Amino acid sequence: MLSKSSGKGLFGGKTHGTITVIDGRFHRSSARNAKVAFYLTGIIVGLLVAAVATDRMHPIAALFVGALVGIPVGAVVWTVVRIWPILRLIWWWLPEIVLSTGAIYGWTILAMATSPAVMVAVLAVVLGVPAAVRPVRQRITALAWCLIVRHRLRTCFAQFITANRSGSLPLIGIAYPTPIGERVTIWLRPGLSIKDLESRLDKLAVGCSAATVTVEKASETNAARVRLDIKRRQVLTGDVASPLVDLVPDPTGDNAEKGTDGLRTLVAVPTALDLPDVIKPATPVDNGKANGHKPNGNGRRSTSTNGGDATTNGSAISSANGVDDVADWI
C-alpha cells in the first residue's frame, strides 16, 4: 500500500490519495510468514551444519560455524518470502512487461540501425497487416483478450471470492485462446473450492465481459487445480451442407421413374404393418402333445372332449381317478 500526496489539487487545495498495490491483509501475512521462515530456516540449517562440523572441531566451535551458515541462509529465505507479494504482482503483469520491454528495445535497435524511412515502412507493415488481414486481426484480438481476462479474474477474486483469512488470491496461470473464448488454469488456495466458483459463475461472466463461464477440474488427483472456460461466442451457428443430399435420386434425371404423363411416379411410403401378409408361425408341440391331443396306438393323435379321452374313431375312454391310462400312449 503506497500513499501519494500532491501539493495542490485542481482548485488550489492539497489532495491526499492512497494507491493500493498490495492488499493490507496479505502484506501483514507476508511479514509474519517471513519472520517464521527466517527462524525455522536459520535454526535447522545451523544445527545441521553444527552436527556435521563436530567431526572436525570442538562442539562449541561447530555451533558458531552453524550460526554463521544458518543466519545468511535464513536471511535469504526471509527475503524471498517477504517480497513474495511483489513477485506475485510481477507474475500477474509478466506478459505485459515482456511485450513492452521487447517493443521498446526492438524499436531502439531499429532506430539505431536503419534510417527513418525504413522505420516508417516497418511501422506501416506492423500496423497495416493486422488491420487489413482479418485472420491476423482476429488472432491478435484473441491474444489481447487472454491478457485482459487474467486481470479481470484477479479483480473478481479480490472482490467477492476471497475466502481465507490472509486474503491471498489464487494463482492464475497462462490463458490461451479457444474457438469460443479463452481458457485459464487456476490453482486455488486453502479456503476455496470448486463449489465456491460454481456458485459465482454469473458474476465471473459479468466481470470478464463474457456470455457464460464454466468451471471444471483440471486434474483428477489435485482438487486445487481447476480450469475456467470463458465463452464469448457460439461457433455452431453456421449452415453446413449435408452430403446426404447427393444420395437422393434426381427426379429430372434419365434414371427417374416416370409415369404415363411424363412425371416421376411417387411411391407411397408405408406407414403401418400389413398384418394379412404376415405368415402365422406354427404352434410348437411339447413332447408329442399340444392343445389336449395325445397320440394313439396308430401314431395318430386323439382329441379330448367333455373331460374324457377320445380316440381317432370318436369313442370316449374314461380315466379312472383322473389318471391317464398308459395303454393310450403305447
Protein backbone atom coordinates (compact mmCIF):
# COMPACT_ATOMS: atom_id res chain seq x y z
CA MET A 1 0.00 0.00 0.00
CA LEU A 2 1.51 3.29 -1.09
CA SER A 3 0.42 6.80 -0.09
CA LYS A 4 0.51 9.58 -2.63
CA SER A 5 0.18 13.27 -1.77
CA SER A 6 0.40 16.19 -4.17
CA GLY A 7 0.93 19.86 -3.37
CA LYS A 8 -2.15 21.37 -4.96
CA GLY A 9 -5.29 20.00 -6.41
CA LEU A 10 -7.49 21.21 -9.22
CA PHE A 11 -8.92 24.11 -7.17
CA GLY A 12 -5.77 25.01 -5.25
CA GLY A 13 -6.16 22.66 -2.27
CA LYS A 14 -3.96 19.74 -1.30
CA THR A 15 -5.00 16.28 -2.31
CA HIS A 16 -4.23 13.10 -0.46
CA GLY A 17 -4.74 9.71 -2.05
CA THR A 18 -3.85 6.09 -1.42
CA ILE A 19 -2.90 3.70 -4.17
CA THR A 20 -3.29 0.07 -3.12
CA VAL A 21 -0.60 -2.03 -4.75
CA ILE A 22 -0.60 -4.90 -2.24
CA ASP A 23 -3.56 -5.75 -0.03
CA GLY A 24 -3.01 -4.90 3.64
CA ARG A 25 -4.00 -8.32 4.97
CA PHE A 26 -1.72 -10.08 2.54
CA HIS A 27 1.08 -7.63 3.41
CA ARG A 28 0.83 -8.42 7.14
CA SER A 29 0.55 -12.13 6.50
CA SER A 30 3.68 -12.00 4.35
CA ALA A 31 5.63 -10.23 7.11
CA ARG A 32 4.58 -12.82 9.67
CA ASN A 33 5.43 -15.73 7.38
CA ALA A 34 8.82 -14.22 6.54
CA LYS A 35 9.74 -13.96 10.22
CA VAL A 36 8.72 -17.56 10.89
CA ALA A 37 10.63 -18.76 7.82
CA PHE A 38 13.77 -16.91 8.95
CA TYR A 39 13.87 -18.51 12.39
CA LEU A 40 13.00 -22.01 11.21
CA THR A 41 15.50 -21.98 8.36
CA GLY A 42 18.28 -20.47 10.46
CA ILE A 43 17.84 -22.96 13.32
CA ILE A 44 17.50 -26.04 11.12
CA VAL A 45 20.42 -25.17 8.85
CA GLY A 46 22.58 -24.11 11.81
CA LEU A 47 22.00 -27.37 13.68
CA LEU A 48 22.70 -29.48 10.60
CA VAL A 49 25.95 -27.65 9.87
CA ALA A 50 27.00 -27.88 13.53
CA ALA A 51 26.30 -31.62 13.59
CA VAL A 52 28.47 -32.14 10.53
CA ALA A 53 31.24 -29.87 11.84
CA THR A 54 31.55 -31.67 15.20
CA ASP A 55 33.55 -34.41 13.48
CA ARG A 56 36.28 -31.91 12.61
CA MET A 57 36.27 -29.42 15.52
CA HIS A 58 35.11 -28.76 19.05
CA PRO A 59 31.28 -28.75 19.52
CA ILE A 60 31.26 -25.11 20.67
CA ALA A 61 33.21 -24.05 17.59
CA ALA A 62 30.83 -26.14 15.48
CA LEU A 63 27.88 -24.19 16.91
CA PHE A 64 29.49 -20.91 15.85
CA VAL A 65 30.06 -22.30 12.36
CA GLY A 66 26.43 -23.43 12.21
CA ALA A 67 25.27 -19.97 13.23
CA LEU A 68 27.48 -18.33 10.61
CA VAL A 69 25.88 -20.51 7.91
CA GLY A 70 22.30 -20.62 9.22
CA ILE A 71 21.80 -16.87 9.63
CA PRO A 72 22.64 -15.95 5.98
CA VAL A 73 20.52 -18.80 4.64
CA GLY A 74 17.63 -17.72 6.86
CA ALA A 75 18.05 -14.16 5.63
CA VAL A 76 17.78 -15.32 2.02
CA VAL A 77 14.58 -17.23 2.78
CA TRP A 78 13.21 -14.23 4.70
CA THR A 79 13.85 -12.01 1.67
CA VAL A 80 12.11 -14.38 -0.72
CA VAL A 81 9.04 -14.75 1.50
CA ARG A 82 8.93 -11.03 2.23
CA ILE A 83 8.99 -9.97 -1.39
CA TRP A 84 6.62 -12.74 -2.46
CA PRO A 85 3.71 -10.27 -2.89
CA ILE A 86 5.86 -8.27 -5.29
CA LEU A 87 6.85 -11.43 -7.14
CA ARG A 88 3.16 -12.30 -7.50
CA LEU A 89 2.49 -8.81 -8.82
CA ILE A 90 5.28 -9.25 -11.37
CA TRP A 91 3.79 -12.61 -12.36
CA TRP A 92 0.39 -11.03 -12.96
CA TRP A 93 1.91 -8.44 -15.28
CA LEU A 94 4.65 -10.64 -16.76
CA PRO A 95 3.22 -10.84 -20.34
CA GLU A 96 2.75 -7.08 -20.48
CA ILE A 97 6.24 -6.47 -19.08
CA VAL A 98 7.83 -8.81 -21.64
CA LEU A 99 5.90 -7.31 -24.56
CA SER A 100 6.62 -3.74 -23.52
CA THR A 101 10.32 -4.44 -22.98
CA GLY A 102 10.59 -6.21 -26.33
CA ALA A 103 8.80 -3.40 -28.16
CA ILE A 104 10.97 -0.67 -26.60
CA TYR A 105 14.27 -2.44 -27.17
CA GLY A 106 13.26 -3.54 -30.66
CA TRP A 107 12.29 -0.03 -31.67
CA THR A 108 15.51 1.37 -30.19
CA ILE A 109 17.69 -1.13 -32.06
CA LEU A 110 15.76 -0.48 -35.27
CA ALA A 111 16.21 3.28 -34.88
CA MET A 112 19.95 2.89 -34.35
CA ALA A 113 20.48 0.51 -37.29
CA THR A 114 18.20 1.92 -40.01
CA SER A 115 17.01 5.18 -41.48
CA PRO A 116 13.72 6.93 -40.66
CA ALA A 117 12.21 5.78 -43.96
CA VAL A 118 12.82 2.13 -43.06
CA MET A 119 11.37 2.71 -39.61
CA VAL A 120 8.20 4.17 -41.11
CA ALA A 121 7.92 1.23 -43.52
CA VAL A 122 8.33 -1.31 -40.72
CA LEU A 123 5.78 0.51 -38.59
CA ALA A 124 3.33 0.57 -41.52
CA VAL A 125 3.73 -3.19 -42.02
CA VAL A 126 3.36 -3.97 -38.31
CA LEU A 127 0.21 -1.88 -38.00
CA GLY A 128 -1.20 -2.29 -41.50
CA VAL A 129 -1.12 -6.08 -41.86
CA PRO A 130 -3.30 -6.75 -38.79
CA ALA A 131 -5.69 -4.01 -39.88
CA ALA A 132 -6.03 -5.36 -43.43
CA VAL A 133 -5.86 -9.14 -42.95
CA ARG A 134 -8.84 -10.40 -40.98
CA PRO A 135 -7.36 -13.73 -39.70
CA VAL A 136 -4.33 -11.90 -38.31
CA ARG A 137 -6.54 -9.29 -36.70
CA GLN A 138 -8.74 -11.95 -35.11
CA ARG A 139 -5.72 -13.79 -33.76
CA ILE A 140 -4.27 -10.64 -32.21
CA THR A 141 -7.65 -9.79 -30.68
CA ALA A 142 -7.89 -13.27 -29.15
CA LEU A 143 -4.42 -12.93 -27.63
CA ALA A 144 -5.30 -9.50 -26.28
CA TRP A 145 -8.37 -10.95 -24.56
CA CYS A 146 -6.14 -13.59 -22.97
CA LEU A 147 -4.13 -10.81 -21.35
CA ILE A 148 -7.21 -8.90 -20.26
CA VAL A 149 -9.08 -11.85 -18.80
CA ARG A 150 -6.28 -12.70 -16.34
CA HIS A 151 -6.58 -9.26 -14.76
CA ARG A 152 -10.37 -9.43 -14.77
CA LEU A 153 -10.28 -12.77 -12.95
CA ARG A 154 -7.83 -11.38 -10.40
CA THR A 155 -10.20 -8.47 -9.77
CA CYS A 156 -13.14 -10.86 -9.35
CA PHE A 157 -11.23 -12.99 -6.86
CA ALA A 158 -10.21 -9.93 -4.87
CA GLN A 159 -13.76 -8.53 -4.81
CA PHE A 160 -16.04 -11.44 -3.97
CA ILE A 161 -14.24 -14.83 -3.96
CA THR A 162 -11.54 -14.32 -1.31
CA ALA A 163 -12.32 -16.90 1.39
CA ASN A 164 -9.22 -17.19 3.62
CA ARG A 165 -8.08 -15.00 6.49
CA SER A 166 -4.81 -13.90 4.91
CA GLY A 167 -6.54 -12.62 1.79
CA SER A 168 -4.22 -14.46 -0.60
CA LEU A 169 -5.57 -14.81 -4.12
CA PRO A 170 -5.48 -17.97 -6.25
CA LEU A 171 -2.58 -18.39 -8.62
CA ILE A 172 -3.83 -17.58 -12.13
CA GLY A 173 -1.97 -19.41 -14.87
CA ILE A 174 -1.43 -18.54 -18.50
CA ALA A 175 -4.59 -18.01 -20.57
CA TYR A 176 -4.81 -19.22 -24.14
CA PRO A 177 -7.49 -18.68 -26.79
CA THR A 178 -10.15 -21.20 -27.78
CA PRO A 179 -12.71 -21.12 -30.64
CA ILE A 180 -15.35 -19.78 -28.24
CA GLY A 181 -13.25 -17.55 -25.98
CA GLU A 182 -10.42 -18.20 -23.53
CA ARG A 183 -9.33 -20.98 -21.17
CA VAL A 184 -7.45 -20.31 -17.93
CA THR A 185 -5.95 -22.75 -15.43
CA ILE A 186 -6.16 -21.66 -11.78
CA TRP A 187 -4.58 -23.08 -8.62
CA LEU A 188 -6.86 -22.48 -5.64
CA ARG A 189 -5.59 -21.53 -2.20
CA PRO A 190 -6.70 -23.20 1.07
CA GLY A 191 -10.18 -21.95 1.89
CA LEU A 192 -11.50 -22.11 -1.68
CA SER A 193 -13.05 -24.98 -3.61
CA ILE A 194 -14.64 -25.52 -6.97
CA LYS A 195 -18.08 -25.19 -5.31
CA ASP A 196 -17.28 -21.59 -4.41
CA LEU A 197 -16.61 -20.82 -8.07
CA GLU A 198 -19.70 -22.66 -9.31
CA SER A 199 -21.93 -20.50 -7.11
CA ARG A 200 -20.49 -17.29 -8.62
CA LEU A 201 -20.18 -18.13 -12.30
CA ASP A 202 -22.68 -15.42 -13.25
CA LYS A 203 -20.57 -12.77 -11.51
CA LEU A 204 -17.42 -14.10 -13.17
CA ALA A 205 -19.12 -13.82 -16.57
CA VAL A 206 -20.02 -10.19 -15.87
CA GLY A 207 -16.51 -9.40 -14.65
CA CYS A 208 -14.91 -10.98 -17.74
CA SER A 209 -17.39 -9.34 -20.17
CA ALA A 210 -18.37 -12.80 -21.42
CA ALA A 211 -21.61 -14.60 -22.20
CA THR A 212 -21.07 -17.51 -19.81
CA VAL A 213 -18.29 -19.04 -17.72
CA THR A 214 -17.89 -22.73 -16.90
CA VAL A 215 -15.55 -24.38 -14.42
CA GLU A 216 -14.32 -27.96 -14.14
CA LYS A 217 -11.49 -29.88 -12.54
CA ALA A 218 -8.24 -29.80 -14.49
CA SER A 219 -6.71 -32.74 -12.62
CA GLU A 220 -8.13 -35.99 -11.27
CA THR A 221 -5.60 -36.10 -8.42
CA ASN A 222 -5.42 -32.41 -7.39
CA ALA A 223 -8.66 -30.64 -6.45
CA ALA A 224 -6.88 -27.28 -6.23
CA ARG A 225 -6.26 -27.19 -9.98
CA VAL A 226 -9.34 -26.04 -11.88
CA ARG A 227 -9.99 -24.85 -15.42
CA LEU A 228 -12.16 -21.89 -16.37
CA ASP A 229 -13.69 -21.61 -19.85
CA ILE A 230 -14.76 -18.08 -20.75
CA LYS A 231 -17.32 -18.26 -23.57
CA ARG A 232 -17.89 -15.15 -25.68
CA ARG A 233 -19.48 -16.55 -28.84
CA GLN A 234 -21.06 -19.61 -30.40
CA VAL A 235 -19.27 -21.43 -33.21
CA LEU A 236 -22.06 -23.87 -34.17
CA THR A 237 -24.39 -21.31 -35.74
CA GLY A 238 -23.46 -21.67 -39.43
CA ASP A 239 -25.24 -23.81 -42.05
CA VAL A 240 -23.34 -26.96 -43.04
CA ALA A 241 -24.10 -28.66 -46.37
CA SER A 242 -25.15 -32.27 -45.84
CA PRO A 243 -23.63 -34.95 -48.12
CA LEU A 244 -26.88 -36.96 -47.90
CA VAL A 245 -28.50 -34.70 -50.48
CA ASP A 246 -26.31 -36.21 -53.20
CA LEU A 247 -27.66 -39.69 -52.41
CA VAL A 248 -31.26 -38.74 -53.29
CA PRO A 249 -32.13 -39.59 -56.98
CA ASP A 250 -32.70 -36.64 -59.25
CA PRO A 251 -36.37 -36.58 -60.38
CA THR A 252 -35.36 -34.97 -63.69
CA GLY A 253 -32.57 -37.43 -64.47
CA ASP A 254 -32.50 -40.22 -67.06
CA ASN A 255 -32.94 -42.95 -64.43
CA ALA A 256 -36.01 -41.37 -62.81
CA GLU A 257 -39.19 -43.46 -62.79
CA LYS A 258 -41.84 -41.70 -64.89
CA GLY A 259 -45.50 -42.41 -65.38
CA THR A 260 -47.72 -42.06 -68.42
CA ASP A 261 -47.89 -38.31 -68.06
CA GLY A 262 -44.12 -37.97 -68.18
CA LEU A 263 -43.83 -37.11 -64.50
CA ARG A 264 -41.96 -39.10 -61.90
CA THR A 265 -44.03 -41.75 -60.15
CA LEU A 266 -44.09 -41.27 -56.42
CA VAL A 267 -44.05 -44.45 -54.36
CA ALA A 268 -46.21 -44.42 -51.26
CA VAL A 269 -44.22 -44.75 -48.09
CA PRO A 270 -45.66 -47.48 -45.80
CA THR A 271 -46.86 -46.12 -42.51
CA ALA A 272 -48.23 -49.30 -40.88
CA LEU A 273 -47.63 -53.04 -40.90
CA ASP A 274 -49.85 -55.12 -43.26
CA LEU A 275 -50.88 -57.95 -40.92
CA PRO A 276 -52.65 -60.21 -43.52
CA ASP A 277 -49.34 -60.59 -45.36
CA VAL A 278 -47.54 -61.83 -42.27
CA ILE A 279 -47.19 -65.63 -42.12
CA LYS A 280 -48.55 -67.11 -38.91
CA PRO A 281 -45.89 -69.17 -37.11
CA ALA A 282 -46.57 -72.85 -36.43
CA THR A 283 -47.71 -73.87 -32.94
CA PRO A 284 -44.88 -75.66 -31.12
CA VAL A 285 -45.55 -79.24 -29.94
CA ASP A 286 -44.42 -80.17 -26.45
CA ASN A 287 -43.39 -83.87 -26.08
CA GLY A 288 -45.82 -85.15 -28.64
CA LYS A 289 -48.94 -83.43 -27.32
CA ALA A 290 -50.35 -79.97 -27.78
CA ASN A 291 -53.75 -78.40 -27.14
CA GLY A 292 -55.12 -81.52 -25.49
CA HIS A 293 -54.09 -84.01 -28.25
CA LYS A 294 -52.47 -87.36 -27.45
CA PRO A 295 -51.03 -89.98 -29.80
CA ASN A 296 -52.81 -93.32 -30.08
CA GLY A 297 -51.53 -96.73 -30.97
CA ASN A 298 -51.58 -95.98 -34.71
CA GLY A 299 -49.30 -92.99 -34.31
CA ARG A 300 -52.24 -90.60 -34.57
CA ARG A 301 -53.34 -88.06 -32.05
CA SER A 302 -56.55 -88.41 -30.11
CA THR A 303 -58.76 -85.50 -29.15
CA SER A 304 -60.03 -84.94 -25.63
CA THR A 305 -63.69 -83.81 -25.35
CA ASN A 306 -66.02 -83.28 -22.38
CA GLY A 307 -63.29 -84.01 -19.85
CA GLY A 308 -62.66 -87.53 -21.24
CA ASP A 309 -60.20 -89.04 -23.67
CA ALA A 310 -61.28 -89.59 -27.28
CA THR A 311 -59.65 -91.88 -29.82
CA THR A 312 -59.46 -91.36 -33.52
CA ASN A 313 -62.79 -93.12 -34.13
CA GLY A 314 -64.55 -90.77 -31.74
CA SER A 315 -65.20 -93.26 -28.91
CA ALA A 316 -64.68 -91.83 -25.45
CA ILE A 317 -62.39 -93.51 -22.96
CA SER A 318 -62.85 -92.51 -19.36
CA SER A 319 -59.91 -92.23 -17.00
CA ALA A 320 -60.10 -93.64 -13.53
CA ASN A 321 -59.45 -91.14 -10.80
CA GLY A 322 -58.28 -88.55 -13.37
CA VAL A 323 -55.11 -90.53 -14.24
CA ASP A 324 -54.14 -91.17 -17.85
CA ASP A 325 -54.11 -94.79 -18.99
CA VAL A 326 -50.64 -95.90 -20.06
CA ALA A 327 -52.18 -98.08 -22.76
CA ASP A 328 -53.37 -94.97 -24.56
CA TRP A 329 -49.76 -93.85 -25.04
CA ILE A 330 -48.34 -97.18 -26.27
